[in-house]
Amino acid sequence: MRVAMYYNNKDIRLEEMPTPQVGPGEVLLKSLACGICGSDVMEWYRIHKAPLVLGHEATGEIVETGGDVKRFKKGDRVFVSHHVPCNTCYYCLNGNHTVCDTLRSTNFDPGGFAEYVRVPEINVDRGVFILPDNMSLEDGTLIEPLACVVRGQRLARIEPGQTVVVIGSGISGLLHILLARASGAGKIIATDISGYRMNMAGKLGADSVISAHDDLPSHLLKLNDNRLADRVIATAGAVPALETALKSVDRGGTVLFFAPGGPDVELHVPFNDFWRDGITLMPTYGAAPLDIDVAIELISSGRVPVQDMITHRLGLADTARGFELVTDAKESVKVIIEPHK
């Protein structure tokens, strides 16, 4: 079968490798659509594992099932989650599925930028989801990133009437805007350095969009009755973005750190000010199966319309171009690879 083999962000090669063979509890997925995630192009994060086949936002059709598989059949249209929790450890039992050791070690074989994917038994058990009839395979590639957003906003307690600031209007930021709007946020204010993405943020529901080069806190005070934001969501990991997030949150508010920084990023926090003002700093990573269920319902019901976020659809041979589009982050939002085209 054909795969897109990742060596680095500028070196992705179309190669051949054997089609995986499935075991008794496994399924073989015909990968029909797979989104390029922002984490796929974090070269410092990926390069030490190269060469490898990436792609974890995969949808497709089951073409073979092992003899012990009862819940799924050939022809099922599915979304497949690459990381799945054990559901029995201390962390899972306390609702912290994304820090589970099992979740951090599971994956499928190989990644979704391949014509076929072997889904291991544990993923079949708790990481394969039937797509609703009204959901396209393309829309299904947004399930995993939306599930991560669902978890983040659930933990940060995004509620009706709040003023929400989203720093960074890439794919994650735009999904945060859409979900905050669906959740009844009072005001949504977005930022970015890209005029293209600022325009997208306005189209998808931000009430105000401010250049990341401007003084966000001063704009906030003018837009929000002389108050800062109840919730600030940082979807960019650059230090200036993180520092802006700290300066933009109101007393009693929460800063949600949604994106990682580079390997050496350190952030200075004005501890005494935050202690006195009751400000919460909260990181979030990944999604639990419950969040995936919620994301599927949000997309299939139309409450979070994701169709307009898909800007590029490329065949497997053009995966390198897809990585270039995502890395440049100029005039693309969601780039999808369709391995059989």
Protein backbone atom coordinates (compact mmCIF):
# COMPACT_ATOMS: atom_id res chain seq x y z
CA MET A 1 0.00 0.00 0.00
CA ARG A 2 1.02 3.66 -0.40
CA VAL A 3 1.93 5.80 2.59
CA ALA A 4 3.17 9.35 3.13
CA MET A 5 6.38 8.85 5.13
CA TYR A 6 7.38 11.77 7.34
CA TYR A 7 11.10 12.58 7.66
CA ASN A 8 10.69 16.26 8.54
CA ASN A 9 8.25 19.06 7.70
CA LYS A 10 9.88 19.60 4.30
CA ASP A 11 10.61 15.97 3.50
CA ILE A 12 7.52 13.79 3.18
CA ARG A 13 7.83 10.96 0.67
CA LEU A 14 5.30 8.76 -1.04
CA GLU A 15 6.48 5.22 -0.25
CA GLU A 16 5.25 1.64 -0.33
CA MET A 17 4.87 -0.66 2.66
CA PRO A 18 2.97 -3.93 3.26
CA THR A 19 -0.71 -3.67 4.06
CA PRO A 20 -1.09 -4.57 7.78
CA GLN A 21 -2.59 -7.92 8.73
CA VAL A 22 -5.31 -7.87 11.41
CA GLY A 23 -5.49 -10.11 14.46
CA PRO A 24 -8.60 -11.68 16.02
CA GLY A 25 -9.79 -8.53 17.84
CA GLU A 26 -8.65 -6.00 15.25
CA VAL A 27 -10.08 -4.28 12.17
CA LEU A 28 -8.54 -2.97 8.97
CA LEU A 29 -9.57 0.57 8.09
CA LYS A 30 -9.55 1.89 4.55
CA SER A 31 -8.39 5.42 5.32
CA LEU A 32 -10.52 7.76 3.22
CA ALA A 33 -9.93 11.13 4.91
CA CYS A 34 -7.43 12.31 7.50
CA GLY A 35 -6.82 15.86 8.68
CA ILE A 36 -3.39 17.39 9.17
CA CYS A 37 -3.21 18.50 12.80
CA GLY A 38 -1.16 21.43 14.04
CA SER A 39 0.75 18.97 16.20
CA ASP A 40 1.77 17.05 13.06
CA VAL A 41 3.87 20.03 11.96
CA MET A 42 5.50 20.64 15.36
CA GLU A 43 8.84 19.42 14.05
CA TRP A 44 10.63 19.52 17.42
CA TYR A 45 7.95 17.15 18.73
CA ARG A 46 7.95 14.74 15.78
CA ILE A 47 11.47 14.66 14.40
CA HIS A 48 13.01 12.29 16.97
CA LYS A 49 10.54 9.56 15.93
CA ALA A 50 11.07 9.96 12.18
CA PRO A 51 10.70 8.32 9.77
CA LEU A 52 7.06 7.50 10.49
CA VAL A 53 3.57 7.73 9.06
CA LEU A 54 1.56 10.44 10.82
CA GLY A 55 -2.16 11.19 10.77
CA HIS A 56 -4.50 10.74 13.73
CA GLU A 57 -7.72 12.47 12.57
CA ALA A 58 -8.79 9.52 10.45
CA THR A 59 -12.13 8.42 9.06
CA GLY A 60 -12.84 5.66 6.62
CA GLU A 61 -14.49 2.33 5.98
CA ILE A 62 -13.88 -1.00 7.69
CA VAL A 63 -12.78 -3.49 5.03
CA GLU A 64 -11.81 -6.44 7.23
CA THR A 65 -12.60 -7.61 10.76
CA GLY A 66 -10.88 -10.16 12.97
CA GLY A 67 -12.80 -13.22 14.06
CA ASP A 68 -13.46 -11.91 17.57
CA VAL A 69 -14.90 -8.55 16.47
CA LYS A 70 -18.67 -8.42 17.05
CA ARG A 71 -19.58 -4.71 17.22
CA PHE A 72 -18.36 -3.72 13.77
CA LYS A 73 -18.66 -5.15 10.27
CA LYS A 74 -17.22 -4.71 6.84
CA GLY A 75 -18.59 -1.54 5.24
CA ASP A 76 -19.08 0.46 8.45
CA ARG A 77 -18.17 4.14 8.12
CA VAL A 78 -16.16 5.09 11.21
CA PHE A 79 -13.96 7.57 12.98
CA VAL A 80 -11.00 5.98 14.77
CA SER A 81 -9.34 7.43 17.86
CA HIS A 82 -5.59 6.84 18.01
CA HIS A 83 -5.16 7.33 21.80
CA VAL A 84 -7.51 5.42 24.11
CA PRO A 85 -7.52 5.16 27.93
CA CYS A 86 -7.54 2.02 30.05
CA ASN A 87 -10.66 3.21 31.98
CA THR A 88 -9.50 1.38 35.12
CA CYS A 89 -6.42 3.20 36.48
CA TYR A 90 -6.42 5.81 39.24
CA TYR A 91 -6.42 8.67 36.73
CA CYS A 92 -9.25 7.32 34.58
CA LEU A 93 -11.41 6.56 37.62
CA ASN A 94 -10.96 10.18 38.70
CA GLY A 95 -11.92 11.59 35.33
CA ASN A 96 -8.39 12.36 34.16
CA HIS A 97 -8.35 10.03 31.16
CA THR A 98 -5.84 12.06 29.16
CA VAL A 99 -3.03 11.50 31.67
CA CYS A 100 -3.58 7.73 31.63
CA ASP A 101 -0.41 5.77 30.76
CA THR A 102 -2.39 3.59 28.35
CA LEU A 103 -3.75 6.60 26.48
CA ARG A 104 -0.24 7.96 26.09
CA SER A 105 1.07 4.68 24.64
CA THR A 106 -1.74 3.56 22.30
CA ASN A 107 -1.88 4.27 18.58
CA PHE A 108 -2.81 2.61 15.30
CA ASP A 109 -0.62 1.03 12.63
CA PRO A 110 0.48 3.06 10.74
CA GLY A 111 -0.93 6.61 10.82
CA GLY A 112 -3.89 7.84 8.81
CA PHE A 113 -1.74 9.16 5.95
CA ALA A 114 -1.77 5.66 4.50
CA GLU A 115 -4.19 3.73 2.34
CA TYR A 116 -4.96 1.22 5.11
CA VAL A 117 -4.66 1.25 8.90
CA ARG A 118 -4.63 -1.67 11.34
CA VAL A 119 -6.69 -0.74 14.40
CA PRO A 120 -5.45 -2.63 17.51
CA GLU A 121 -7.87 -4.51 19.75
CA ILE A 122 -7.90 -1.93 22.57
CA ASN A 123 -8.72 0.83 20.06
CA VAL A 124 -11.46 -1.32 18.55
CA ASP A 125 -12.90 -1.79 22.04
CA ARG A 126 -13.07 1.90 22.99
CA GLY A 127 -11.85 4.05 20.11
CA VAL A 128 -13.95 3.22 17.04
CA PHE A 129 -17.11 5.30 16.50
CA ILE A 130 -19.77 4.76 13.83
CA LEU A 131 -20.34 7.95 11.83
CA PRO A 132 -23.95 9.16 11.71
CA ASP A 133 -25.54 8.84 8.28
CA ASN A 134 -25.70 12.63 7.91
CA MET A 135 -21.98 13.13 8.64
CA SER A 136 -19.50 13.11 5.79
CA LEU A 137 -16.10 11.49 6.10
CA GLU A 138 -14.56 14.95 5.70
CA ASP A 139 -16.57 16.41 8.58
CA GLY A 140 -15.61 13.36 10.61
CA THR A 141 -11.95 14.40 10.50
CA LEU A 142 -12.91 17.32 12.77
CA ILE A 143 -14.23 14.98 15.50
CA GLU A 144 -10.89 14.57 17.29
CA PRO A 145 -9.87 18.24 17.33
CA LEU A 146 -13.37 19.27 18.40
CA ALA A 147 -13.32 16.64 21.17
CA CYS A 148 -10.14 18.21 22.53
CA VAL A 149 -11.90 21.59 22.50
CA VAL A 150 -14.95 20.08 24.23
CA ARG A 151 -12.76 18.78 27.03
CA GLY A 152 -10.94 22.08 27.43
CA GLN A 153 -14.10 24.15 27.63
CA ARG A 154 -15.72 21.66 29.96
CA LEU A 155 -12.81 21.88 32.39
CA ALA A 156 -12.61 25.68 32.09
CA ARG A 157 -16.37 25.92 32.66
CA ILE A 158 -17.34 28.03 29.67
CA GLU A 159 -20.87 29.21 30.48
CA PRO A 160 -23.60 31.41 28.97
CA GLY A 161 -23.01 35.13 29.25
CA GLN A 162 -19.26 35.00 29.78
CA THR A 163 -16.76 37.09 27.87
CA VAL A 164 -14.40 34.67 26.14
CA VAL A 165 -11.12 35.62 24.50
CA VAL A 166 -9.53 33.20 22.03
CA ILE A 167 -5.87 33.91 21.34
CA GLY A 168 -4.95 32.39 17.97
CA SER A 169 -7.49 31.73 15.21
CA GLY A 170 -6.08 28.60 13.63
CA ILE A 171 -8.10 25.40 13.55
CA SER A 172 -8.20 25.04 17.34
CA GLY A 173 -9.06 28.69 17.91
CA LEU A 174 -11.86 28.59 15.35
CA LEU A 175 -13.32 25.47 16.94
CA HIS A 176 -13.19 27.21 20.33
CA ILE A 177 -15.08 30.14 18.82
CA LEU A 178 -17.74 27.86 17.34
CA LEU A 179 -18.20 25.90 20.58
CA ALA A 180 -18.24 29.01 22.78
CA ARG A 181 -20.94 30.46 20.51
CA ALA A 182 -22.94 27.23 20.70
CA SER A 183 -22.57 27.31 24.50
CA GLY A 184 -24.07 30.80 24.76
CA ALA A 185 -20.98 32.91 25.47
CA GLY A 186 -21.90 36.57 25.83
CA LYS A 187 -18.98 38.09 23.92
CA ILE A 188 -16.31 36.29 21.93
CA ILE A 189 -13.15 38.18 21.06
CA ALA A 190 -10.51 36.57 18.86
CA THR A 191 -6.94 37.44 17.88
CA ASP A 192 -4.41 36.34 15.29
CA ILE A 193 -1.43 37.65 13.35
CA SER A 194 -2.92 36.52 10.01
CA GLY A 195 -5.50 38.68 8.27
CA TYR A 196 -6.88 35.55 6.57
CA ARG A 197 -7.52 33.83 9.88
CA MET A 198 -8.85 36.98 11.50
CA ASN A 199 -11.41 37.12 8.70
CA MET A 200 -12.33 33.47 9.30
CA ALA A 201 -12.76 34.14 13.03
CA GLY A 202 -15.27 36.88 12.25
CA LYS A 203 -17.17 34.68 9.80
CA LEU A 204 -17.40 31.82 12.30
CA GLY A 205 -18.81 33.79 15.22
CA ALA A 206 -16.31 36.10 16.91
CA ASP A 207 -17.98 39.38 17.89
CA SER A 208 -14.68 41.27 17.64
CA VAL A 209 -11.37 40.34 16.05
CA ILE A 210 -8.16 42.09 17.10
CA SER A 211 -4.71 41.86 15.58
CA ALA A 212 -2.29 39.99 17.83
CA HIS A 213 0.12 42.88 17.27
CA ASP A 214 -2.24 45.26 19.11
CA ASP A 215 -2.67 45.77 22.85
CA LEU A 216 -5.37 43.22 23.60
CA PRO A 217 -6.07 44.19 27.25
CA SER A 218 -6.76 47.82 26.36
CA HIS A 219 -9.12 46.77 23.55
CA LEU A 220 -10.85 44.41 25.95
CA LEU A 221 -11.56 47.15 28.46
CA LYS A 222 -13.22 49.23 25.73
CA LEU A 223 -15.27 46.32 24.37
CA ASN A 224 -16.28 44.77 27.71
CA ASP A 225 -17.55 47.55 29.98
CA ASN A 226 -14.10 48.25 31.43
CA ARG A 227 -13.57 44.60 32.36
CA LEU A 228 -11.10 41.98 31.18
CA ALA A 229 -12.25 38.51 30.07
CA ASP A 230 -13.92 35.83 32.17
CA ARG A 231 -12.18 33.11 30.17
CA VAL A 232 -9.04 33.36 28.06
CA ILE A 233 -8.14 30.46 25.77
CA ALA A 234 -4.56 30.42 24.48
CA THR A 235 -4.37 28.23 21.37
CA ALA A 236 -0.87 29.49 20.51
CA GLY A 237 2.18 28.38 22.47
CA ALA A 238 4.48 31.31 21.70
CA VAL A 239 5.59 33.20 24.81
CA PRO A 240 4.12 36.57 23.67
CA ALA A 241 0.73 34.89 23.21
CA LEU A 242 0.93 33.26 26.63
CA GLU A 243 1.94 36.52 28.29
CA THR A 244 -0.96 38.30 26.58
CA ALA A 245 -3.31 35.64 27.94
CA LEU A 246 -2.13 36.32 31.49
CA LYS A 247 -2.73 40.05 31.06
CA SER A 248 -6.22 39.62 29.60
CA VAL A 249 -8.06 37.66 32.31
CA ASP A 250 -10.38 39.32 34.81
CA ARG A 251 -10.53 38.72 38.55
CA GLY A 252 -12.04 35.31 39.29
CA GLY A 253 -11.38 34.26 35.70
CA THR A 254 -9.61 31.32 34.08
CA VAL A 255 -6.81 31.05 31.54
CA LEU A 256 -6.97 27.82 29.52
CA PHE A 257 -3.63 26.82 27.98
CA PHE A 258 -4.70 24.74 25.01
CA ALA A 259 -1.46 24.47 23.03
CA PRO A 260 2.04 23.38 24.00
CA GLY A 261 4.98 25.75 23.76
CA GLY A 262 8.37 24.82 22.40
CA PRO A 263 10.59 22.41 24.34
CA ASP A 264 12.29 25.21 26.29
CA VAL A 265 9.36 27.57 26.90
CA GLU A 266 9.15 29.05 30.39
CA LEU A 267 6.40 31.42 31.49
CA HIS A 268 6.69 34.00 34.26
CA VAL A 269 3.46 34.27 36.27
CA PRO A 270 2.76 37.25 38.57
CA PHE A 271 1.93 34.89 41.41
CA ASN A 272 0.84 37.38 44.07
CA ASP A 273 -1.50 39.19 41.67
CA PHE A 274 -3.09 35.93 40.59
CA TRP A 275 -3.35 34.71 44.17
CA ARG A 276 -5.08 37.90 45.28
CA ASP A 277 -7.42 38.02 42.26
CA GLY A 278 -8.45 34.35 42.39
CA ILE A 279 -7.32 33.56 38.86
CA THR A 280 -7.15 29.94 37.67
CA LEU A 281 -4.47 28.70 35.28
CA MET A 282 -5.49 25.49 33.56
CA PRO A 283 -3.77 23.34 30.91
CA THR A 284 -5.61 20.79 28.81
CA TYR A 285 -4.44 17.93 26.61
CA GLY A 286 -6.29 15.48 24.43
CA ALA A 287 -9.81 14.11 24.75
CA ALA A 288 -11.61 11.28 26.53
CA PRO A 289 -14.12 8.96 24.84
CA LEU A 290 -16.98 10.97 26.40
CA ASP A 291 -15.67 14.11 24.70
CA ILE A 292 -15.61 12.29 21.38
CA ASP A 293 -19.27 11.28 21.81
CA VAL A 294 -20.15 14.92 22.50
CA ALA A 295 -18.15 16.12 19.49
CA ILE A 296 -19.95 13.68 17.18
CA GLU A 297 -23.32 14.92 18.42
CA LEU A 298 -22.31 18.58 18.05
CA ILE A 299 -21.22 18.08 14.45
CA SER A 300 -24.06 15.80 13.35
CA SER A 301 -26.70 18.08 14.90
CA GLY A 302 -25.22 21.14 13.19
CA ARG A 303 -24.63 22.98 16.47
CA VAL A 304 -20.94 23.22 15.55
CA PRO A 305 -20.85 23.64 11.75
CA VAL A 306 -17.40 22.55 10.60
CA GLN A 307 -17.87 22.34 6.84
CA ASP A 308 -16.58 25.86 6.11
CA MET A 309 -13.34 25.16 7.97
CA ILE A 310 -12.14 22.65 5.36
CA THR A 311 -10.12 24.69 2.88
CA HIS A 312 -8.01 22.05 1.10
CA ARG A 313 -8.56 18.45 0.03
CA LEU A 314 -5.45 16.71 -1.29
CA GLY A 315 -4.49 13.24 -2.45
CA LEU A 316 -1.83 11.16 -0.70
CA ALA A 317 0.81 12.17 -3.24
CA ASP A 318 0.27 15.82 -2.25
CA THR A 319 0.76 15.30 1.50
CA ALA A 320 4.00 17.30 1.40
CA ARG A 321 2.09 20.26 -0.02
CA GLY A 322 -0.49 19.84 2.72
CA PHE A 323 2.22 20.05 5.37
CA GLU A 324 3.58 23.17 3.69
CA LEU A 325 0.14 24.81 3.79
CA VAL A 326 -0.32 24.02 7.49
CA THR A 327 3.22 25.06 8.41
CA ASP A 328 2.94 28.38 6.57
CA ALA A 329 -0.47 29.05 8.19
CA LYS A 330 -1.25 31.79 5.69
CA GLU A 331 -4.31 30.90 3.63
CA SER A 332 -5.51 27.56 4.94
CA VAL A 333 -7.55 26.36 7.88
CA LYS A 334 -8.23 22.63 7.70
CA VAL A 335 -6.22 20.58 5.23
CA ILE A 336 -7.45 17.05 4.60
CA ILE A 337 -5.56 14.20 2.95
CA GLU A 338 -7.65 11.66 1.02
CA PRO A 339 -5.34 8.61 0.66
CA HIS A 340 -7.25 6.90 -2.12
CA LYS A 341 -7.32 9.93 -4.44
